[in-house]
């Protein structure tokens, strides 16, 4: 299997699951959690605990459910542009990176580590990038995916999430009557994911994370060819994030506040100043 960046619809590692919407399994997983939480809240004599679990499951299932109801994902040209830019920079023939672009995200781009590394981007942000700055976006994404410290950081959060799930599952079985123990075990799954999202957002504000970006930004400069390209791209990412927040409707702001009570900080402005201290010069 040749390496490079692939659109999700072209992922050669997917077999029968290619026929399913990418959000099918999250909706089933958190949907089961929501149903069990409703049972715990209404029938298991634990309304307070059940209500908290209902809130957590409802928050995390809403996004995937809305995507699923919109139907099959549309292959966007922005995803193809970004995939081509990543493939042009990546010299690893064994690399296998999934690329997707979707409207309902609050970040200009993000990366996901794991067995199936992924780059997710907002179409509007990609549209605002010319070829040189798109190369810088690809360089930033690749440098984060390839960095060992970033991979370790992501793996620790996955491990922490699994540990939290185990703790809440065990606690759930103890907080409800014995005949509802199965419901009590599944009820907090959505709550665990929500708490993990909040914790990751809080962790992103640490200065230690900003220092971790020093190495990845320097790697991105080497890939993109010029510090000013990477700095401009980081400033554009910060501006896009701020504009996306301002342009939200009241309903969207409420959904965003519930889904992510703490806004993450990826330190783009500080990182840009380090690479290009005097952009006006």
C-alpha atoms as a PDB file:
ATOM      1  CA  UNK A   1       0.000   0.000   0.000  1.00  0.00           C
ATOM      2  CA  UNK A   2       1.529   3.332  -1.043  1.00  0.00           C
ATOM      3  CA  UNK A   3       1.800   6.126   1.463  1.00  0.00           C
ATOM      4  CA  UNK A   4       0.586   9.689   1.442  1.00  0.00           C
ATOM      5  CA  UNK A   5      -2.539  11.572   2.400  1.00  0.00           C
ATOM      6  CA  UNK A   6      -5.954  10.134   1.579  1.00  0.00           C
ATOM      7  CA  UNK A   7      -9.461  11.499   1.656  1.00  0.00           C
ATOM      8  CA  UNK A   8     -11.630   9.552   4.079  1.00  0.00           C
ATOM      9  CA  UNK A   9     -13.743   8.235   1.202  1.00  0.00           C
ATOM     10  CA  UNK A  10     -10.590   6.826  -0.440  1.00  0.00           C
ATOM     11  CA  UNK A  11      -9.116   5.263   2.683  1.00  0.00           C
ATOM     12  CA  UNK A  12      -7.648   1.931   1.519  1.00  0.00           C
ATOM     13  CA  UNK A  13      -7.628   0.612   5.091  1.00  0.00           C
ATOM     14  CA  UNK A  14     -11.390   0.700   5.354  1.00  0.00           C
ATOM     15  CA  UNK A  15     -13.332  -2.321   4.149  1.00  0.00           C
ATOM     16  CA  UNK A  16     -17.017  -2.932   4.771  1.00  0.00           C
ATOM     17  CA  UNK A  17     -17.117   0.070   7.101  1.00  0.00           C
ATOM     18  CA  UNK A  18     -16.514   2.337   4.092  1.00  0.00           C
ATOM     19  CA  UNK A  19     -20.218   1.971   3.368  1.00  0.00           C
ATOM     20  CA  UNK A  20     -21.068   3.482   6.759  1.00  0.00           C
ATOM     21  CA  UNK A  21     -21.121   7.127   7.726  1.00  0.00           C
ATOM     22  CA  UNK A  22     -18.020   7.994   9.838  1.00  0.00           C
ATOM     23  CA  UNK A  23     -20.303   9.116  12.679  1.00  0.00           C
ATOM     24  CA  UNK A  24     -22.265   5.841  12.819  1.00  0.00           C
ATOM     25  CA  UNK A  25     -20.265   4.275  15.623  1.00  0.00           C
ATOM     26  CA  UNK A  26     -20.030   7.425  17.801  1.00  0.00           C
ATOM     27  CA  UNK A  27     -23.806   7.879  17.502  1.00  0.00           C
ATOM     28  CA  UNK A  28     -24.423   4.253  18.486  1.00  0.00           C
ATOM     29  CA  UNK A  29     -21.913   4.413  21.361  1.00  0.00           C
ATOM     30  CA  UNK A  30     -23.154   7.641  22.891  1.00  0.00           C
ATOM     31  CA  UNK A  31     -26.755   6.886  21.948  1.00  0.00           C
ATOM     32  CA  UNK A  32     -26.618   3.755  24.106  1.00  0.00           C
ATOM     33  CA  UNK A  33     -25.101   5.862  26.874  1.00  0.00           C
ATOM     34  CA  UNK A  34     -27.935   8.396  26.574  1.00  0.00           C
ATOM     35  CA  UNK A  35     -30.656   5.740  26.725  1.00  0.00           C
ATOM     36  CA  UNK A  36     -29.049   4.101  29.764  1.00  0.00           C
ATOM     37  CA  UNK A  37     -28.628   7.478  31.447  1.00  0.00           C
ATOM     38  CA  UNK A  38     -32.327   8.223  30.935  1.00  0.00           C
ATOM     39  CA  UNK A  39     -33.200   4.884  32.541  1.00  0.00           C
ATOM     40  CA  UNK A  40     -30.883   5.602  35.468  1.00  0.00           C
ATOM     41  CA  UNK A  41     -32.393   9.062  35.932  1.00  0.00           C
ATOM     42  CA  UNK A  42     -36.027   7.990  35.686  1.00  0.00           C
ATOM     43  CA  UNK A  43     -36.282   4.459  37.020  1.00  0.00           C
ATOM     44  CA  UNK A  44     -33.252   3.665  39.158  1.00  0.00           C
ATOM     45  CA  UNK A  45     -33.938   6.020  42.087  1.00  0.00           C
ATOM     46  CA  UNK A  46     -30.809   8.043  41.253  1.00  0.00           C
ATOM     47  CA  UNK A  47     -32.233  11.118  39.487  1.00  0.00           C
ATOM     48  CA  UNK A  48     -29.302  13.434  40.263  1.00  0.00           C
ATOM     49  CA  UNK A  49     -26.590  11.117  39.002  1.00  0.00           C
ATOM     50  CA  UNK A  50     -28.732  10.095  36.047  1.00  0.00           C
ATOM     51  CA  UNK A  51     -29.408  13.716  35.074  1.00  0.00           C
ATOM     52  CA  UNK A  52     -25.672  14.486  34.994  1.00  0.00           C
ATOM     53  CA  UNK A  53     -25.089  11.440  32.787  1.00  0.00           C
ATOM     54  CA  UNK A  54     -27.983  12.456  30.516  1.00  0.00           C
ATOM     55  CA  UNK A  55     -26.445  15.920  30.113  1.00  0.00           C
ATOM     56  CA  UNK A  56     -23.009  14.526  29.263  1.00  0.00           C
ATOM     57  CA  UNK A  57     -24.333  11.960  26.777  1.00  0.00           C
ATOM     58  CA  UNK A  58     -26.684  14.448  25.134  1.00  0.00           C
ATOM     59  CA  UNK A  59     -23.887  16.972  24.628  1.00  0.00           C
ATOM     60  CA  UNK A  60     -21.436  14.551  23.029  1.00  0.00           C
ATOM     61  CA  UNK A  61     -23.989  12.735  20.853  1.00  0.00           C
ATOM     62  CA  UNK A  62     -25.491  15.902  19.368  1.00  0.00           C
ATOM     63  CA  UNK A  63     -22.611  16.725  17.019  1.00  0.00           C
ATOM     64  CA  UNK A  64     -22.195  13.238  15.494  1.00  0.00           C
ATOM     65  CA  UNK A  65     -25.993  12.849  15.249  1.00  0.00           C
ATOM     66  CA  UNK A  66     -26.349  16.106  13.318  1.00  0.00           C
ATOM     67  CA  UNK A  67     -23.604  15.000  10.921  1.00  0.00           C
ATOM     68  CA  UNK A  68     -25.265  11.610  10.474  1.00  0.00           C
ATOM     69  CA  UNK A  69     -28.647  13.173   9.745  1.00  0.00           C
ATOM     70  CA  UNK A  70     -27.104  15.365   7.050  1.00  0.00           C
ATOM     71  CA  UNK A  71     -26.316  12.206   5.095  1.00  0.00           C
ATOM     72  CA  UNK A  72     -23.158  10.911   3.449  1.00  0.00           C
ATOM     73  CA  UNK A  73     -20.164  13.243   3.801  1.00  0.00           C
ATOM     74  CA  UNK A  74     -19.463  15.373   0.755  1.00  0.00           C
ATOM     75  CA  UNK A  75     -15.966  15.124  -0.663  1.00  0.00           C
ATOM     76  CA  UNK A  76     -14.873  18.756  -0.558  1.00  0.00           C
ATOM     77  CA  UNK A  77     -12.246  20.224  -2.898  1.00  0.00           C
ATOM     78  CA  UNK A  78     -10.574  21.850   0.115  1.00  0.00           C
ATOM     79  CA  UNK A  79      -9.805  18.394   1.509  1.00  0.00           C
ATOM     80  CA  UNK A  80      -8.255  17.365  -1.789  1.00  0.00           C
ATOM     81  CA  UNK A  81      -6.098  20.507  -1.871  1.00  0.00           C
ATOM     82  CA  UNK A  82      -4.848  19.859   1.650  1.00  0.00           C
ATOM     83  CA  UNK A  83      -4.257  16.164   0.932  1.00  0.00           C
ATOM     84  CA  UNK A  84      -2.192  17.054  -2.138  1.00  0.00           C
ATOM     85  CA  UNK A  85      -0.159  19.574  -0.131  1.00  0.00           C
ATOM     86  CA  UNK A  86       0.562  17.017   2.600  1.00  0.00           C
ATOM     87  CA  UNK A  87       1.530  14.340   0.092  1.00  0.00           C
ATOM     88  CA  UNK A  88       3.895  16.765  -1.657  1.00  0.00           C
ATOM     89  CA  UNK A  89       5.730  17.450   1.622  1.00  0.00           C
ATOM     90  CA  UNK A  90       5.679  14.001   3.182  1.00  0.00           C
ATOM     91  CA  UNK A  91       8.652  11.868   2.217  1.00  0.00           C
ATOM     92  CA  UNK A  92       7.537   8.760   4.118  1.00  0.00           C
ATOM     93  CA  UNK A  93       6.334   6.087   1.646  1.00  0.00           C
ATOM     94  CA  UNK A  94       4.665   4.210   4.500  1.00  0.00           C
ATOM     95  CA  UNK A  95       2.724   7.217   5.750  1.00  0.00           C
ATOM     96  CA  UNK A  96      -1.038   6.962   5.776  1.00  0.00           C
ATOM     97  CA  UNK A  97      -2.801  10.171   6.760  1.00  0.00           C
ATOM     98  CA  UNK A  98      -6.525  10.752   6.423  1.00  0.00           C
ATOM     99  CA  UNK A  99      -7.685  14.242   5.447  1.00  0.00           C
ATOM    100  CA  UNK A 100     -11.176  15.693   5.791  1.00  0.00           C
ATOM    101  CA  UNK A 101     -12.796  19.127   5.595  1.00  0.00           C
ATOM    102  CA  UNK A 102     -16.070  19.931   7.313  1.00  0.00           C
ATOM    103  CA  UNK A 103     -18.006  23.054   8.186  1.00  0.00           C
ATOM    104  CA  UNK A 104     -19.149  22.300  11.722  1.00  0.00           C
ATOM    105  CA  UNK A 105     -15.801  22.598  13.488  1.00  0.00           C
ATOM    106  CA  UNK A 106     -14.564  25.494  15.592  1.00  0.00           C
ATOM    107  CA  UNK A 107     -10.873  25.185  14.706  1.00  0.00           C
ATOM    108  CA  UNK A 108      -9.087  26.094  11.462  1.00  0.00           C
ATOM    109  CA  UNK A 109      -7.320  22.740  11.442  1.00  0.00           C
ATOM    110  CA  UNK A 110      -6.474  19.985  13.874  1.00  0.00           C
ATOM    111  CA  UNK A 111      -4.597  16.709  13.903  1.00  0.00           C
ATOM    112  CA  UNK A 112      -5.520  13.395  15.472  1.00  0.00           C
ATOM    113  CA  UNK A 113      -2.833  10.940  16.476  1.00  0.00           C
ATOM    114  CA  UNK A 114      -3.293   7.190  16.644  1.00  0.00           C
ATOM    115  CA  UNK A 115      -3.369   4.167  14.388  1.00  0.00           C
ATOM    116  CA  UNK A 116      -5.177   6.267  11.791  1.00  0.00           C
ATOM    117  CA  UNK A 117      -3.586   9.725  11.917  1.00  0.00           C
ATOM    118  CA  UNK A 118      -5.899  12.388  10.587  1.00  0.00           C
ATOM    119  CA  UNK A 119      -5.892  16.050   9.616  1.00  0.00           C
ATOM    120  CA  UNK A 120      -9.228  17.823   9.892  1.00  0.00           C
ATOM    121  CA  UNK A 121      -9.690  21.335   8.473  1.00  0.00           C
ATOM    122  CA  UNK A 122     -12.360  23.973   8.070  1.00  0.00           C
ATOM    123  CA  UNK A 123     -13.167  24.614   4.380  1.00  0.00           C
ATOM    124  CA  UNK A 124     -13.313  28.379   4.907  1.00  0.00           C
ATOM    125  CA  UNK A 125      -9.817  28.428   6.364  1.00  0.00           C
ATOM    126  CA  UNK A 126      -8.394  26.372   3.494  1.00  0.00           C
ATOM    127  CA  UNK A 127     -10.127  28.641   0.963  1.00  0.00           C
ATOM    128  CA  UNK A 128      -8.295  31.606   2.463  1.00  0.00           C
ATOM    129  CA  UNK A 129      -4.880  30.009   1.895  1.00  0.00           C
ATOM    130  CA  UNK A 130      -2.912  30.419  -1.301  1.00  0.00           C
ATOM    131  CA  UNK A 131      -0.617  27.582  -2.362  1.00  0.00           C
ATOM    132  CA  UNK A 132       2.335  28.790  -0.272  1.00  0.00           C
ATOM    133  CA  UNK A 133       0.299  29.204   2.906  1.00  0.00           C
ATOM    134  CA  UNK A 134      -1.469  25.902   2.272  1.00  0.00           C
ATOM    135  CA  UNK A 135       1.983  24.322   2.200  1.00  0.00           C
ATOM    136  CA  UNK A 136       2.581  25.922   5.597  1.00  0.00           C
ATOM    137  CA  UNK A 137      -0.686  24.437   6.922  1.00  0.00           C
ATOM    138  CA  UNK A 138       0.418  21.025   5.649  1.00  0.00           C
ATOM    139  CA  UNK A 139       3.847  21.537   7.216  1.00  0.00           C
ATOM    140  CA  UNK A 140       2.338  22.441  10.604  1.00  0.00           C
ATOM    141  CA  UNK A 141       0.026  19.417  10.520  1.00  0.00           C
ATOM    142  CA  UNK A 142       2.804  17.035   9.489  1.00  0.00           C
ATOM    143  CA  UNK A 143       5.213  18.348  12.110  1.00  0.00           C
ATOM    144  CA  UNK A 144       2.621  17.820  14.854  1.00  0.00           C
ATOM    145  CA  UNK A 145       1.814  14.310  13.631  1.00  0.00           C
ATOM    146  CA  UNK A 146       5.484  13.329  13.402  1.00  0.00           C
ATOM    147  CA  UNK A 147       6.594  14.809  16.725  1.00  0.00           C
ATOM    148  CA  UNK A 148       7.226  12.198  19.403  1.00  0.00           C
ATOM    149  CA  UNK A 149       6.317  14.515  22.287  1.00  0.00           C
ATOM    150  CA  UNK A 150       3.005  15.429  20.664  1.00  0.00           C
ATOM    151  CA  UNK A 151       2.238  11.758  20.067  1.00  0.00           C
ATOM    152  CA  UNK A 152       3.036  10.985  23.696  1.00  0.00           C
ATOM    153  CA  UNK A 153       0.833  13.883  24.831  1.00  0.00           C
ATOM    154  CA  UNK A 154      -2.082  12.550  22.764  1.00  0.00           C
ATOM    155  CA  UNK A 155      -1.517   8.980  23.955  1.00  0.00           C
ATOM    156  CA  UNK A 156      -1.536  10.054  27.598  1.00  0.00           C
ATOM    157  CA  UNK A 157      -4.871  11.764  27.112  1.00  0.00           C
ATOM    158  CA  UNK A 158      -6.277   8.616  25.475  1.00  0.00           C
ATOM    159  CA  UNK A 159      -5.022   6.578  28.435  1.00  0.00           C
ATOM    160  CA  UNK A 160      -6.478   9.093  30.891  1.00  0.00           C
ATOM    161  CA  UNK A 161      -9.813   8.951  29.073  1.00  0.00           C
ATOM    162  CA  UNK A 162      -9.886   5.162  29.306  1.00  0.00           C
ATOM    163  CA  UNK A 163      -9.003   5.326  32.998  1.00  0.00           C
ATOM    164  CA  UNK A 164     -11.813   7.831  33.588  1.00  0.00           C
ATOM    165  CA  UNK A 165     -14.263   5.587  31.753  1.00  0.00           C
ATOM    166  CA  UNK A 166     -13.261   2.623  33.943  1.00  0.00           C
ATOM    167  CA  UNK A 167     -13.671   4.671  37.126  1.00  0.00           C
ATOM    168  CA  UNK A 168     -17.078   6.011  36.100  1.00  0.00           C
ATOM    169  CA  UNK A 169     -18.293   2.603  34.915  1.00  0.00           C
ATOM    170  CA  UNK A 170     -17.379   1.017  38.247  1.00  0.00           C
ATOM    171  CA  UNK A 171     -18.890   3.944  40.147  1.00  0.00           C
ATOM    172  CA  UNK A 172     -22.036   3.750  38.036  1.00  0.00           C
ATOM    173  CA  UNK A 173     -22.636   0.136  38.897  1.00  0.00           C
ATOM    174  CA  UNK A 174     -22.327   0.986  42.607  1.00  0.00           C
ATOM    175  CA  UNK A 175     -24.559   4.058  42.592  1.00  0.00           C
ATOM    176  CA  UNK A 176     -27.654   2.359  41.182  1.00  0.00           C
ATOM    177  CA  UNK A 177     -29.680  -0.585  42.480  1.00  0.00           C
ATOM    178  CA  UNK A 178     -28.248  -3.961  41.491  1.00  0.00           C
ATOM    179  CA  UNK A 179     -30.948  -4.681  38.910  1.00  0.00           C
ATOM    180  CA  UNK A 180     -29.935  -1.510  37.040  1.00  0.00           C
ATOM    181  CA  UNK A 181     -26.178  -2.151  37.189  1.00  0.00           C
ATOM    182  CA  UNK A 182     -25.846  -2.668  33.420  1.00  0.00           C
ATOM    183  CA  UNK A 183     -27.561   0.671  32.797  1.00  0.00           C
ATOM    184  CA  UNK A 184     -25.377   2.253  35.444  1.00  0.00           C
ATOM    185  CA  UNK A 185     -22.259   0.969  33.682  1.00  0.00           C
ATOM    186  CA  UNK A 186     -23.139   2.408  30.269  1.00  0.00           C
ATOM    187  CA  UNK A 187     -24.759   5.643  31.470  1.00  0.00           C
ATOM    188  CA  UNK A 188     -21.527   7.609  32.171  1.00  0.00           C
ATOM    189  CA  UNK A 189     -19.789   6.913  28.833  1.00  0.00           C
ATOM    190  CA  UNK A 190     -20.890  10.221  27.342  1.00  0.00           C
ATOM    191  CA  UNK A 191     -20.110  12.042  30.580  1.00  0.00           C
ATOM    192  CA  UNK A 192     -16.571  10.629  30.510  1.00  0.00           C
ATOM    193  CA  UNK A 193     -16.016  11.967  26.993  1.00  0.00           C
ATOM    194  CA  UNK A 194     -17.375  15.393  27.934  1.00  0.00           C
ATOM    195  CA  UNK A 195     -15.134  15.619  31.003  1.00  0.00           C
ATOM    196  CA  UNK A 196     -12.151  14.589  28.887  1.00  0.00           C
ATOM    197  CA  UNK A 197     -12.884  17.370  26.376  1.00  0.00           C
ATOM    198  CA  UNK A 198     -13.051  19.924  29.205  1.00  0.00           C
ATOM    199  CA  UNK A 199      -9.793  18.643  30.706  1.00  0.00           C
ATOM    200  CA  UNK A 200      -7.970  18.768  27.350  1.00  0.00           C
ATOM    201  CA  UNK A 201      -9.182  22.336  26.786  1.00  0.00           C
ATOM    202  CA  UNK A 202      -7.912  23.341  30.225  1.00  0.00           C
ATOM    203  CA  UNK A 203      -4.592  21.595  29.609  1.00  0.00           C
ATOM    204  CA  UNK A 204      -4.115  23.419  26.296  1.00  0.00           C
ATOM    205  CA  UNK A 205      -3.807  26.708  28.180  1.00  0.00           C
ATOM    206  CA  UNK A 206      -0.662  25.587  29.957  1.00  0.00           C
ATOM    207  CA  UNK A 207       2.586  27.296  28.964  1.00  0.00           C
ATOM    208  CA  UNK A 208       4.166  23.869  28.856  1.00  0.00           C
ATOM    209  CA  UNK A 209       2.117  23.056  25.773  1.00  0.00           C
ATOM    210  CA  UNK A 210       3.248  26.298  24.143  1.00  0.00           C
ATOM    211  CA  UNK A 211       6.851  25.190  24.683  1.00  0.00           C
ATOM    212  CA  UNK A 212       6.075  21.862  23.029  1.00  0.00           C
ATOM    213  CA  UNK A 213       5.147  23.727  19.861  1.00  0.00           C
ATOM    214  CA  UNK A 214       8.648  25.235  19.548  1.00  0.00           C
ATOM    215  CA  UNK A 215      10.078  22.056  18.030  1.00  0.00           C
ATOM    216  CA  UNK A 216       7.092  21.380  15.789  1.00  0.00           C
ATOM    217  CA  UNK A 217       7.048  24.961  14.516  1.00  0.00           C
ATOM    218  CA  UNK A 218      10.764  24.782  13.687  1.00  0.00           C
ATOM    219  CA  UNK A 219      10.124  21.542  11.800  1.00  0.00           C
ATOM    220  CA  UNK A 220       7.259  23.200   9.957  1.00  0.00           C
ATOM    221  CA  UNK A 221       9.554  26.075   8.945  1.00  0.00           C
ATOM    222  CA  UNK A 222      12.023  23.583   7.488  1.00  0.00           C
ATOM    223  CA  UNK A 223       9.221  21.929   5.505  1.00  0.00           C
ATOM    224  CA  UNK A 224       7.506  25.136   4.374  1.00  0.00           C
ATOM    225  CA  UNK A 225      10.726  26.906   3.445  1.00  0.00           C
ATOM    226  CA  UNK A 226      10.353  30.219   5.297  1.00  0.00           C
ATOM    227  CA  UNK A 227       9.560  31.321   8.870  1.00  0.00           C
ATOM    228  CA  UNK A 228       7.278  34.103   7.644  1.00  0.00           C
ATOM    229  CA  UNK A 229       4.999  31.594   5.871  1.00  0.00           C
ATOM    230  CA  UNK A 230       4.473  29.592   9.046  1.00  0.00           C
ATOM    231  CA  UNK A 231       4.076  32.745  11.160  1.00  0.00           C
ATOM    232  CA  UNK A 232       1.497  34.199   8.756  1.00  0.00           C
ATOM    233  CA  UNK A 233      -0.404  30.924   8.769  1.00  0.00           C
ATOM    234  CA  UNK A 234      -0.476  30.832  12.565  1.00  0.00           C
ATOM    235  CA  UNK A 235      -1.780  34.397  12.666  1.00  0.00           C
ATOM    236  CA  UNK A 236      -4.416  33.512  10.067  1.00  0.00           C
ATOM    237  CA  UNK A 237      -5.454  30.520  12.168  1.00  0.00           C
ATOM    238  CA  UNK A 238      -5.847  32.715  15.262  1.00  0.00           C
ATOM    239  CA  UNK A 239      -7.829  35.305  13.295  1.00  0.00           C
ATOM    240  CA  UNK A 240     -10.053  32.630  11.762  1.00  0.00           C
ATOM    241  CA  UNK A 241     -10.793  31.157  15.177  1.00  0.00           C
ATOM    242  CA  UNK A 242     -11.741  34.562  16.585  1.00  0.00           C
ATOM    243  CA  UNK A 243     -13.913  35.415  13.575  1.00  0.00           C
ATOM    244  CA  UNK A 244     -15.654  32.047  13.707  1.00  0.00           C
ATOM    245  CA  UNK A 245     -16.593  32.705  17.337  1.00  0.00           C
ATOM    246  CA  UNK A 246     -17.900  36.195  16.565  1.00  0.00           C
ATOM    247  CA  UNK A 247     -19.940  34.942  13.601  1.00  0.00           C
ATOM    248  CA  UNK A 248     -21.823  32.295  15.564  1.00  0.00           C
ATOM    249  CA  UNK A 249     -25.570  32.579  16.061  1.00  0.00           C
ATOM    250  CA  UNK A 250     -26.865  32.568  19.663  1.00  0.00           C
ATOM    251  CA  UNK A 251     -27.935  28.927  19.270  1.00  0.00           C
ATOM    252  CA  UNK A 252     -24.497  27.972  17.956  1.00  0.00           C
ATOM    253  CA  UNK A 253     -22.820  29.755  20.849  1.00  0.00           C
ATOM    254  CA  UNK A 254     -24.945  27.870  23.358  1.00  0.00           C
ATOM    255  CA  UNK A 255     -24.110  24.543  21.697  1.00  0.00           C
ATOM    256  CA  UNK A 256     -20.436  25.441  21.608  1.00  0.00           C
ATOM    257  CA  UNK A 257     -20.457  26.551  25.240  1.00  0.00           C
ATOM    258  CA  UNK A 258     -22.058  23.287  26.332  1.00  0.00           C
ATOM    259  CA  UNK A 259     -19.798  21.128  24.196  1.00  0.00           C
ATOM    260  CA  UNK A 260     -16.637  23.007  25.195  1.00  0.00           C
ATOM    261  CA  UNK A 261     -17.121  25.174  28.307  1.00  0.00           C
ATOM    262  CA  UNK A 262     -13.437  26.094  28.224  1.00  0.00           C
ATOM    263  CA  UNK A 263     -12.120  27.391  24.921  1.00  0.00           C
ATOM    264  CA  UNK A 264      -8.785  25.742  24.075  1.00  0.00           C
ATOM    265  CA  UNK A 265      -5.728  27.874  23.419  1.00  0.00           C
ATOM    266  CA  UNK A 266      -3.195  26.681  20.847  1.00  0.00           C
ATOM    267  CA  UNK A 267      -0.956  29.751  21.396  1.00  0.00           C
ATOM    268  CA  UNK A 268      -0.858  30.716  17.701  1.00  0.00           C
ATOM    269  CA  UNK A 269      -0.105  34.418  18.336  1.00  0.00           C
ATOM    270  CA  UNK A 270       2.783  33.672  20.682  1.00  0.00           C
ATOM    271  CA  UNK A 271       4.196  31.069  18.305  1.00  0.00           C
ATOM    272  CA  UNK A 272       3.945  33.488  15.375  1.00  0.00           C
ATOM    273  CA  UNK A 273       5.799  36.213  17.294  1.00  0.00           C
ATOM    274  CA  UNK A 274       8.676  33.832  17.996  1.00  0.00           C
ATOM    275  CA  UNK A 275       9.050  33.022  14.300  1.00  0.00           C
ATOM    276  CA  UNK A 276       8.467  36.548  12.968  1.00  0.00           C
ATOM    277  CA  UNK A 277       8.801  39.111  15.773  1.00  0.00           C
ATOM    278  CA  UNK A 278       8.146  42.151  13.542  1.00  0.00           C
ATOM    279  CA  UNK A 279       5.522  41.264  10.903  1.00  0.00           C
ATOM    280  CA  UNK A 280       5.163  44.889   9.824  1.00  0.00           C
ATOM    281  CA  UNK A 281       8.828  45.215   8.962  1.00  0.00           C
END
